[in-house]
Amino acid sequence: ATGLFASTAVNAEVIDGLFYGNPPLL
């Protein structure tokens, strides 16, 4: 789920997840 929902809008130190345009994180 972290790979799906992680968001740089919440934490600028990470990369976006699948639902925010970055499928590789999943």
mmCIF file of all heavy atoms, coordinates in Angstrom:
data_MODEL
# 
_entry.id   MODEL 
# 
loop_
_atom_site.group_PDB 
_atom_site.id 
_atom_site.type_symbol 
_atom_site.label_atom_id 
_atom_site.label_alt_id 
_atom_site.label_comp_id 
_atom_site.label_asym_id 
_atom_site.label_entity_id 
_atom_site.label_seq_id 
_atom_site.pdbx_PDB_ins_code 
_atom_site.Cartn_x 
_atom_site.Cartn_y 
_atom_site.Cartn_z 
_atom_site.occupancy 
_atom_site.B_iso_or_equiv 
_atom_site.pdbx_formal_charge 
_atom_site.auth_seq_id 
_atom_site.auth_comp_id 
_atom_site.auth_asym_id 
_atom_site.auth_atom_id 
_atom_site.pdbx_PDB_model_num 
ATOM 1   N N   . ALA A 1 1  ? 0.824  -1.209 0.000   1.00 0.00 ? 1  ALA A N   1 
ATOM 2   C CA  . ALA A 1 1  ? 0.000  0.000  0.000   1.00 0.00 ? 1  ALA A CA  1 
ATOM 3   C C   . ALA A 1 1  ? 0.859  1.260  0.000   1.00 0.00 ? 1  ALA A C   1 
ATOM 4   O O   . ALA A 1 1  ? 0.467  2.290  -0.559  1.00 0.00 ? 1  ALA A O   1 
ATOM 5   C CB  . ALA A 1 1  ? -0.928 -0.008 1.214   1.00 0.00 ? 1  ALA A CB  1 
ATOM 6   N N   . THR A 1 2  ? 2.034  1.186  0.608   1.00 0.00 ? 2  THR A N   1 
ATOM 7   C CA  . THR A 1 2  ? 2.970  2.314  0.551   1.00 0.00 ? 2  THR A CA  1 
ATOM 8   C C   . THR A 1 2  ? 3.356  2.592  -0.895  1.00 0.00 ? 2  THR A C   1 
ATOM 9   O O   . THR A 1 2  ? 3.471  3.756  -1.301  1.00 0.00 ? 2  THR A O   1 
ATOM 10  C CB  . THR A 1 2  ? 4.228  2.010  1.383   1.00 0.00 ? 2  THR A CB  1 
ATOM 11  O OG1 . THR A 1 2  ? 3.836  1.689  2.723   1.00 0.00 ? 2  THR A OG1 1 
ATOM 12  C CG2 . THR A 1 2  ? 5.166  3.212  1.404   1.00 0.00 ? 2  THR A CG2 1 
ATOM 13  N N   . GLY A 1 3  ? 3.549  1.544  -1.663  1.00 0.00 ? 3  GLY A N   1 
ATOM 14  C CA  . GLY A 1 3  ? 3.853  1.709  -3.087  1.00 0.00 ? 3  GLY A CA  1 
ATOM 15  C C   . GLY A 1 3  ? 2.693  2.264  -3.887  1.00 0.00 ? 3  GLY A C   1 
ATOM 16  O O   . GLY A 1 3  ? 2.889  2.800  -4.986  1.00 0.00 ? 3  GLY A O   1 
ATOM 17  N N   . LEU A 1 4  ? 1.490  2.153  -3.335  1.00 0.00 ? 4  LEU A N   1 
ATOM 18  C CA  . LEU A 1 4  ? 0.309  2.702  -4.011  1.00 0.00 ? 4  LEU A CA  1 
ATOM 19  C C   . LEU A 1 4  ? 0.037  4.148  -3.629  1.00 0.00 ? 4  LEU A C   1 
ATOM 20  O O   . LEU A 1 4  ? -0.281 4.985  -4.482  1.00 0.00 ? 4  LEU A O   1 
ATOM 21  C CB  . LEU A 1 4  ? -0.935 1.864  -3.664  1.00 0.00 ? 4  LEU A CB  1 
ATOM 22  C CG  . LEU A 1 4  ? -0.942 0.398  -4.084  1.00 0.00 ? 4  LEU A CG  1 
ATOM 23  C CD1 . LEU A 1 4  ? -2.181 -0.294 -3.523  1.00 0.00 ? 4  LEU A CD1 1 
ATOM 24  C CD2 . LEU A 1 4  ? -0.908 0.268  -5.601  1.00 0.00 ? 4  LEU A CD2 1 
ATOM 25  N N   . PHE A 1 5  ? 0.160  4.468  -2.332  1.00 0.00 ? 5  PHE A N   1 
ATOM 26  C CA  . PHE A 1 5  ? -0.367 5.734  -1.816  1.00 0.00 ? 5  PHE A CA  1 
ATOM 27  C C   . PHE A 1 5  ? 0.683  6.744  -1.369  1.00 0.00 ? 5  PHE A C   1 
ATOM 28  O O   . PHE A 1 5  ? 0.324  7.860  -0.988  1.00 0.00 ? 5  PHE A O   1 
ATOM 29  C CB  . PHE A 1 5  ? -1.304 5.460  -0.635  1.00 0.00 ? 5  PHE A CB  1 
ATOM 30  C CG  . PHE A 1 5  ? -2.520 4.655  -0.989  1.00 0.00 ? 5  PHE A CG  1 
ATOM 31  C CD1 . PHE A 1 5  ? -2.648 3.347  -0.547  1.00 0.00 ? 5  PHE A CD1 1 
ATOM 32  C CD2 . PHE A 1 5  ? -3.534 5.203  -1.757  1.00 0.00 ? 5  PHE A CD2 1 
ATOM 33  C CE1 . PHE A 1 5  ? -3.772 2.595  -0.858  1.00 0.00 ? 5  PHE A CE1 1 
ATOM 34  C CE2 . PHE A 1 5  ? -4.666 4.463  -2.076  1.00 0.00 ? 5  PHE A CE2 1 
ATOM 35  C CZ  . PHE A 1 5  ? -4.792 3.161  -1.630  1.00 0.00 ? 5  PHE A CZ  1 
ATOM 36  N N   . ALA A 1 6  ? 1.972  6.395  -1.350  1.00 0.00 ? 6  ALA A N   1 
ATOM 37  C CA  . ALA A 1 6  ? 2.996  7.351  -0.916  1.00 0.00 ? 6  ALA A CA  1 
ATOM 38  C C   . ALA A 1 6  ? 2.923  8.609  -1.766  1.00 0.00 ? 6  ALA A C   1 
ATOM 39  O O   . ALA A 1 6  ? 2.738  8.544  -2.982  1.00 0.00 ? 6  ALA A O   1 
ATOM 40  C CB  . ALA A 1 6  ? 4.383  6.725  -1.006  1.00 0.00 ? 6  ALA A CB  1 
ATOM 41  N N   . SER A 1 7  ? 3.084  9.752  -1.111  1.00 0.00 ? 7  SER A N   1 
ATOM 42  C CA  . SER A 1 7  ? 2.924  11.027 -1.819  1.00 0.00 ? 7  SER A CA  1 
ATOM 43  C C   . SER A 1 7  ? 3.965  12.041 -1.366  1.00 0.00 ? 7  SER A C   1 
ATOM 44  O O   . SER A 1 7  ? 4.169  12.238 -0.160  1.00 0.00 ? 7  SER A O   1 
ATOM 45  C CB  . SER A 1 7  ? 1.516  11.582 -1.566  1.00 0.00 ? 7  SER A CB  1 
ATOM 46  O OG  . SER A 1 7  ? 1.390  12.889 -2.074  1.00 0.00 ? 7  SER A OG  1 
ATOM 47  N N   . THR A 1 8  ? 4.582  12.688 -2.334  1.00 0.00 ? 8  THR A N   1 
ATOM 48  C CA  . THR A 1 8  ? 5.541  13.748 -2.004  1.00 0.00 ? 8  THR A CA  1 
ATOM 49  C C   . THR A 1 8  ? 4.847  14.962 -1.414  1.00 0.00 ? 8  THR A C   1 
ATOM 50  O O   . THR A 1 8  ? 5.481  15.791 -0.770  1.00 0.00 ? 8  THR A O   1 
ATOM 51  C CB  . THR A 1 8  ? 6.321  14.172 -3.259  1.00 0.00 ? 8  THR A CB  1 
ATOM 52  O OG1 . THR A 1 8  ? 5.388  14.544 -4.291  1.00 0.00 ? 8  THR A OG1 1 
ATOM 53  C CG2 . THR A 1 8  ? 7.195  13.044 -3.761  1.00 0.00 ? 8  THR A CG2 1 
ATOM 54  N N   . ALA A 1 9  ? 3.542  15.083 -1.635  1.00 0.00 ? 9  ALA A N   1 
ATOM 55  C CA  . ALA A 1 9  ? 2.791  16.181 -1.037  1.00 0.00 ? 9  ALA A CA  1 
ATOM 56  C C   . ALA A 1 9  ? 2.722  16.031 0.482   1.00 0.00 ? 9  ALA A C   1 
ATOM 57  O O   . ALA A 1 9  ? 2.582  17.022 1.205   1.00 0.00 ? 9  ALA A O   1 
ATOM 58  C CB  . ALA A 1 9  ? 1.377  16.229 -1.615  1.00 0.00 ? 9  ALA A CB  1 
ATOM 59  N N   . VAL A 1 10 ? 2.821  14.813 0.956   1.00 0.00 ? 10 VAL A N   1 
ATOM 60  C CA  . VAL A 1 10 ? 2.814  14.543 2.389   1.00 0.00 ? 10 VAL A CA  1 
ATOM 61  C C   . VAL A 1 10 ? 4.229  14.586 2.942   1.00 0.00 ? 10 VAL A C   1 
ATOM 62  O O   . VAL A 1 10 ? 4.486  15.157 4.002   1.00 0.00 ? 10 VAL A O   1 
ATOM 63  C CB  . VAL A 1 10 ? 2.181  13.166 2.681   1.00 0.00 ? 10 VAL A CB  1 
ATOM 64  C CG1 . VAL A 1 10 ? 2.225  12.850 4.177   1.00 0.00 ? 10 VAL A CG1 1 
ATOM 65  C CG2 . VAL A 1 10 ? 0.754  13.124 2.172   1.00 0.00 ? 10 VAL A CG2 1 
ATOM 66  N N   . ASN A 1 11 ? 5.163  13.988 2.233   1.00 0.00 ? 11 ASN A N   1 
ATOM 67  C CA  . ASN A 1 11 ? 6.546  13.901 2.685   1.00 0.00 ? 11 ASN A CA  1 
ATOM 68  C C   . ASN A 1 11 ? 7.459  14.109 1.481   1.00 0.00 ? 11 ASN A C   1 
ATOM 69  O O   . ASN A 1 11 ? 7.564  13.241 0.607   1.00 0.00 ? 11 ASN A O   1 
ATOM 70  C CB  . ASN A 1 11 ? 6.794  12.535 3.327   1.00 0.00 ? 11 ASN A CB  1 
ATOM 71  C CG  . ASN A 1 11 ? 8.108  12.468 4.067   1.00 0.00 ? 11 ASN A CG  1 
ATOM 72  O OD1 . ASN A 1 11 ? 9.104  13.054 3.653   1.00 0.00 ? 11 ASN A OD1 1 
ATOM 73  N ND2 . ASN A 1 11 ? 8.128  11.741 5.180   1.00 0.00 ? 11 ASN A ND2 1 
ATOM 74  N N   . ALA A 1 12 ? 8.120  15.242 1.448   1.00 0.00 ? 12 ALA A N   1 
ATOM 75  C CA  . ALA A 1 12 ? 8.955  15.600 0.300   1.00 0.00 ? 12 ALA A CA  1 
ATOM 76  C C   . ALA A 1 12 ? 10.205 14.744 0.188   1.00 0.00 ? 12 ALA A C   1 
ATOM 77  O O   . ALA A 1 12 ? 10.894 14.785 -0.831  1.00 0.00 ? 12 ALA A O   1 
ATOM 78  C CB  . ALA A 1 12 ? 9.356  17.070 0.395   1.00 0.00 ? 12 ALA A CB  1 
ATOM 79  N N   . GLU A 1 13 ? 10.507 13.937 1.220   1.00 0.00 ? 13 GLU A N   1 
ATOM 80  C CA  . GLU A 1 13 ? 11.717 13.130 1.205   1.00 0.00 ? 13 GLU A CA  1 
ATOM 81  C C   . GLU A 1 13 ? 11.533 11.800 0.470   1.00 0.00 ? 13 GLU A C   1 
ATOM 82  O O   . GLU A 1 13 ? 12.477 11.024 0.361   1.00 0.00 ? 13 GLU A O   1 
ATOM 83  C CB  . GLU A 1 13 ? 12.176 12.863 2.644   1.00 0.00 ? 13 GLU A CB  1 
ATOM 84  C CG  . GLU A 1 13 ? 12.553 14.140 3.401   1.00 0.00 ? 13 GLU A CG  1 
ATOM 85  C CD  . GLU A 1 13 ? 12.964 13.844 4.831   1.00 0.00 ? 13 GLU A CD  1 
ATOM 86  O OE1 . GLU A 1 13 ? 12.988 12.649 5.206   1.00 0.00 ? 13 GLU A OE1 1 
ATOM 87  O OE2 . GLU A 1 13 ? 13.259 14.795 5.563   1.00 0.00 ? 13 GLU A OE2 1 
ATOM 88  N N   . VAL A 1 14 ? 10.305 11.509 -0.007  1.00 0.00 ? 14 VAL A N   1 
ATOM 89  C CA  . VAL A 1 14 ? 10.050 10.238 -0.683  1.00 0.00 ? 14 VAL A CA  1 
ATOM 90  C C   . VAL A 1 14 ? 9.630  10.496 -2.126  1.00 0.00 ? 14 VAL A C   1 
ATOM 91  O O   . VAL A 1 14 ? 9.595  11.641 -2.583  1.00 0.00 ? 14 VAL A O   1 
ATOM 92  C CB  . VAL A 1 14 ? 8.953  9.434  0.047   1.00 0.00 ? 14 VAL A CB  1 
ATOM 93  C CG1 . VAL A 1 14 ? 9.370  9.156  1.473   1.00 0.00 ? 14 VAL A CG1 1 
ATOM 94  C CG2 . VAL A 1 14 ? 7.617  10.170 0.026   1.00 0.00 ? 14 VAL A CG2 1 
ATOM 95  N N   . ILE A 1 15 ? 9.327  9.406  -2.839  1.00 0.00 ? 15 ILE A N   1 
ATOM 96  C CA  . ILE A 1 15 ? 8.810  9.531  -4.195  1.00 0.00 ? 15 ILE A CA  1 
ATOM 97  C C   . ILE A 1 15 ? 7.346  9.104  -4.210  1.00 0.00 ? 15 ILE A C   1 
ATOM 98  O O   . ILE A 1 15 ? 6.882  8.413  -3.310  1.00 0.00 ? 15 ILE A O   1 
ATOM 99  C CB  . ILE A 1 15 ? 9.618  8.672  -5.191  1.00 0.00 ? 15 ILE A CB  1 
ATOM 100 C CG1 . ILE A 1 15 ? 9.600  7.192  -4.781  1.00 0.00 ? 15 ILE A CG1 1 
ATOM 101 C CG2 . ILE A 1 15 ? 11.053 9.181  -5.291  1.00 0.00 ? 15 ILE A CG2 1 
ATOM 102 C CD1 . ILE A 1 15 ? 10.305 6.287  -5.756  1.00 0.00 ? 15 ILE A CD1 1 
ATOM 103 N N   . ASP A 1 16 ? 6.616  9.535  -5.230  1.00 0.00 ? 16 ASP A N   1 
ATOM 104 C CA  . ASP A 1 16 ? 5.199  9.213  -5.325  1.00 0.00 ? 16 ASP A CA  1 
ATOM 105 C C   . ASP A 1 16 ? 4.992  7.730  -5.603  1.00 0.00 ? 16 ASP A C   1 
ATOM 106 O O   . ASP A 1 16 ? 5.826  7.051  -6.209  1.00 0.00 ? 16 ASP A O   1 
ATOM 107 C CB  . ASP A 1 16 ? 4.544  10.031 -6.439  1.00 0.00 ? 16 ASP A CB  1 
ATOM 108 C CG  . ASP A 1 16 ? 4.365  11.494 -6.053  1.00 0.00 ? 16 ASP A CG  1 
ATOM 109 O OD1 . ASP A 1 16 ? 4.087  11.755 -4.868  1.00 0.00 ? 16 ASP A OD1 1 
ATOM 110 O OD2 . ASP A 1 16 ? 4.515  12.363 -6.937  1.00 0.00 ? 16 ASP A OD2 1 
ATOM 111 N N   . GLY A 1 17 ? 3.815  7.232  -5.179  1.00 0.00 ? 17 GLY A N   1 
ATOM 112 C CA  . GLY A 1 17 ? 3.438  5.864  -5.442  1.00 0.00 ? 17 GLY A CA  1 
ATOM 113 C C   . GLY A 1 17 ? 2.654  5.730  -6.736  1.00 0.00 ? 17 GLY A C   1 
ATOM 114 O O   . GLY A 1 17 ? 2.489  6.686  -7.499  1.00 0.00 ? 17 GLY A O   1 
ATOM 115 N N   . LEU A 1 18 ? 2.132  4.535  -6.972  1.00 0.00 ? 18 LEU A N   1 
ATOM 116 C CA  . LEU A 1 18 ? 1.425  4.218  -8.216  1.00 0.00 ? 18 LEU A CA  1 
ATOM 117 C C   . LEU A 1 18 ? 0.279  5.168  -8.489  1.00 0.00 ? 18 LEU A C   1 
ATOM 118 O O   . LEU A 1 18 ? 0.115  5.656  -9.612  1.00 0.00 ? 18 LEU A O   1 
ATOM 119 C CB  . LEU A 1 18 ? 0.904  2.776  -8.142  1.00 0.00 ? 18 LEU A CB  1 
ATOM 120 C CG  . LEU A 1 18 ? -0.015 2.327  -9.285  1.00 0.00 ? 18 LEU A CG  1 
ATOM 121 C CD1 . LEU A 1 18 ? 0.746  2.286  -10.604 1.00 0.00 ? 18 LEU A CD1 1 
ATOM 122 C CD2 . LEU A 1 18 ? -0.615 0.952  -8.970  1.00 0.00 ? 18 LEU A CD2 1 
ATOM 123 N N   . PHE A 1 19 ? -0.541 5.457  -7.488  1.00 0.00 ? 19 PHE A N   1 
ATOM 124 C CA  . PHE A 1 19 ? -1.723 6.281  -7.693  1.00 0.00 ? 19 PHE A CA  1 
ATOM 125 C C   . PHE A 1 19 ? -1.405 7.761  -7.852  1.00 0.00 ? 19 PHE A C   1 
ATOM 126 O O   . PHE A 1 19 ? -2.300 8.576  -8.072  1.00 0.00 ? 19 PHE A O   1 
ATOM 127 C CB  . PHE A 1 19 ? -2.716 6.081  -6.539  1.00 0.00 ? 19 PHE A CB  1 
ATOM 128 C CG  . PHE A 1 19 ? -3.338 4.714  -6.517  1.00 0.00 ? 19 PHE A CG  1 
ATOM 129 C CD1 . PHE A 1 19 ? -3.765 4.150  -5.330  1.00 0.00 ? 19 PHE A CD1 1 
ATOM 130 C CD2 . PHE A 1 19 ? -3.498 3.986  -7.686  1.00 0.00 ? 19 PHE A CD2 1 
ATOM 131 C CE1 . PHE A 1 19 ? -4.347 2.886  -5.303  1.00 0.00 ? 19 PHE A CE1 1 
ATOM 132 C CE2 . PHE A 1 19 ? -4.067 2.730  -7.681  1.00 0.00 ? 19 PHE A CE2 1 
ATOM 133 C CZ  . PHE A 1 19 ? -4.497 2.175  -6.482  1.00 0.00 ? 19 PHE A CZ  1 
ATOM 134 N N   . TYR A 1 20 ? -0.126 8.102  -7.732  1.00 0.00 ? 20 TYR A N   1 
ATOM 135 C CA  . TYR A 1 20 ? 0.292  9.489  -7.954  1.00 0.00 ? 20 TYR A CA  1 
ATOM 136 C C   . TYR A 1 20 ? 1.273  9.567  -9.124  1.00 0.00 ? 20 TYR A C   1 
ATOM 137 O O   . TYR A 1 20 ? 2.066  10.500 -9.223  1.00 0.00 ? 20 TYR A O   1 
ATOM 138 C CB  . TYR A 1 20 ? 0.906  10.070 -6.686  1.00 0.00 ? 20 TYR A CB  1 
ATOM 139 C CG  . TYR A 1 20 ? -0.087 10.162 -5.548  1.00 0.00 ? 20 TYR A CG  1 
ATOM 140 C CD1 . TYR A 1 20 ? -0.204 9.135  -4.626  1.00 0.00 ? 20 TYR A CD1 1 
ATOM 141 C CD2 . TYR A 1 20 ? -0.945 11.256 -5.426  1.00 0.00 ? 20 TYR A CD2 1 
ATOM 142 C CE1 . TYR A 1 20 ? -1.136 9.195  -3.596  1.00 0.00 ? 20 TYR A CE1 1 
ATOM 143 C CE2 . TYR A 1 20 ? -1.875 11.330 -4.401  1.00 0.00 ? 20 TYR A CE2 1 
ATOM 144 C CZ  . TYR A 1 20 ? -1.969 10.294 -3.491  1.00 0.00 ? 20 TYR A CZ  1 
ATOM 145 O OH  . TYR A 1 20 ? -2.902 10.364 -2.469  1.00 0.00 ? 20 TYR A OH  1 
ATOM 146 N N   . GLY A 1 21 ? 1.200  8.553  -10.001 1.00 0.00 ? 21 GLY A N   1 
ATOM 147 C CA  . GLY A 1 21 ? 1.938  8.623  -11.260 1.00 0.00 ? 21 GLY A CA  1 
ATOM 148 C C   . GLY A 1 21 ? 3.282  7.953  -11.294 1.00 0.00 ? 21 GLY A C   1 
ATOM 149 O O   . GLY A 1 21 ? 4.058  8.183  -12.229 1.00 0.00 ? 21 GLY A O   1 
ATOM 150 N N   . ASN A 1 22 ? 3.606  7.095  -10.309 1.00 0.00 ? 22 ASN A N   1 
ATOM 151 C CA  . ASN A 1 22 ? 4.926  6.466  -10.288 1.00 0.00 ? 22 ASN A CA  1 
ATOM 152 C C   . ASN A 1 22 ? 4.803  4.960  -10.024 1.00 0.00 ? 22 ASN A C   1 
ATOM 153 O O   . ASN A 1 22 ? 5.044  4.481  -8.905  1.00 0.00 ? 22 ASN A O   1 
ATOM 154 C CB  . ASN A 1 22 ? 5.802  7.123  -9.217  1.00 0.00 ? 22 ASN A CB  1 
ATOM 155 C CG  . ASN A 1 22 ? 7.220  6.566  -9.239  1.00 0.00 ? 22 ASN A CG  1 
ATOM 156 O OD1 . ASN A 1 22 ? 7.757  6.254  -10.295 1.00 0.00 ? 22 ASN A OD1 1 
ATOM 157 N ND2 . ASN A 1 22 ? 7.821  6.441  -8.062  1.00 0.00 ? 22 ASN A ND2 1 
ATOM 158 N N   . PRO A 1 23 ? 4.451  4.156  -11.031 1.00 0.00 ? 23 PRO A N   1 
ATOM 159 C CA  . PRO A 1 23 ? 4.279  2.708  -10.862 1.00 0.00 ? 23 PRO A CA  1 
ATOM 160 C C   . PRO A 1 23 ? 5.518  1.972  -10.355 1.00 0.00 ? 23 PRO A C   1 
ATOM 161 O O   . PRO A 1 23 ? 5.373  0.969  -9.634  1.00 0.00 ? 23 PRO A O   1 
ATOM 162 C CB  . PRO A 1 23 ? 3.900  2.238  -12.274 1.00 0.00 ? 23 PRO A CB  1 
ATOM 163 C CG  . PRO A 1 23 ? 3.324  3.437  -12.935 1.00 0.00 ? 23 PRO A CG  1 
ATOM 164 C CD  . PRO A 1 23 ? 4.095  4.602  -12.398 1.00 0.00 ? 23 PRO A CD  1 
ATOM 165 N N   . PRO A 1 24 ? 6.752  2.381  -10.695 1.00 0.00 ? 24 PRO A N   1 
ATOM 166 C CA  . PRO A 1 24 ? 7.917  1.606  -10.243 1.00 0.00 ? 24 PRO A CA  1 
ATOM 167 C C   . PRO A 1 24 ? 8.005  1.428  -8.731  1.00 0.00 ? 24 PRO A C   1 
ATOM 168 O O   . PRO A 1 24 ? 8.576  0.438  -8.268  1.00 0.00 ? 24 PRO A O   1 
ATOM 169 C CB  . PRO A 1 24 ? 9.107  2.412  -10.774 1.00 0.00 ? 24 PRO A CB  1 
ATOM 170 C CG  . PRO A 1 24 ? 8.575  3.099  -11.992 1.00 0.00 ? 24 PRO A CG  1 
ATOM 171 C CD  . PRO A 1 24 ? 7.167  3.461  -11.637 1.00 0.00 ? 24 PRO A CD  1 
ATOM 172 N N   . LEU A 1 25 ? 7.453  2.371  -7.942  1.00 0.00 ? 25 LEU A N   1 
ATOM 173 C CA  . LEU A 1 25 ? 7.563  2.235  -6.494  1.00 0.00 ? 25 LEU A CA  1 
ATOM 174 C C   . LEU A 1 25 ? 6.850  0.982  -5.998  1.00 0.00 ? 25 LEU A C   1 
ATOM 175 O O   . LEU A 1 25 ? 7.323  0.319  -5.073  1.00 0.00 ? 25 LEU A O   1 
ATOM 176 C CB  . LEU A 1 25 ? 7.001  3.473  -5.785  1.00 0.00 ? 25 LEU A CB  1 
ATOM 177 C CG  . LEU A 1 25 ? 7.106  3.442  -4.248  1.00 0.00 ? 25 LEU A CG  1 
ATOM 178 C CD1 . LEU A 1 25 ? 8.553  3.309  -3.809  1.00 0.00 ? 25 LEU A CD1 1 
ATOM 179 C CD2 . LEU A 1 25 ? 6.470  4.686  -3.633  1.00 0.00 ? 25 LEU A CD2 1 
ATOM 180 N N   . LEU A 1 26 ? 5.737  0.634  -6.611  1.00 0.00 ? 26 LEU A N   1 
ATOM 181 C CA  . LEU A 1 26 ? 5.025  -0.582 -6.211  1.00 0.00 ? 26 LEU A CA  1 
ATOM 182 C C   . LEU A 1 26 ? 5.889  -1.823 -6.465  1.00 0.00 ? 26 LEU A C   1 
ATOM 183 O O   . LEU A 1 26 ? 5.918  -2.738 -5.648  1.00 0.00 ? 26 LEU A O   1 
ATOM 184 C CB  . LEU A 1 26 ? 3.700  -0.695 -6.958  1.00 0.00 ? 26 LEU A CB  1 
ATOM 185 C CG  . LEU A 1 26 ? 2.857  -1.938 -6.635  1.00 0.00 ? 26 LEU A CG  1 
ATOM 186 C CD1 . LEU A 1 26 ? 2.516  -1.995 -5.154  1.00 0.00 ? 26 LEU A CD1 1 
ATOM 187 C CD2 . LEU A 1 26 ? 1.587  -1.951 -7.481  1.00 0.00 ? 26 LEU A CD2 1 
# 
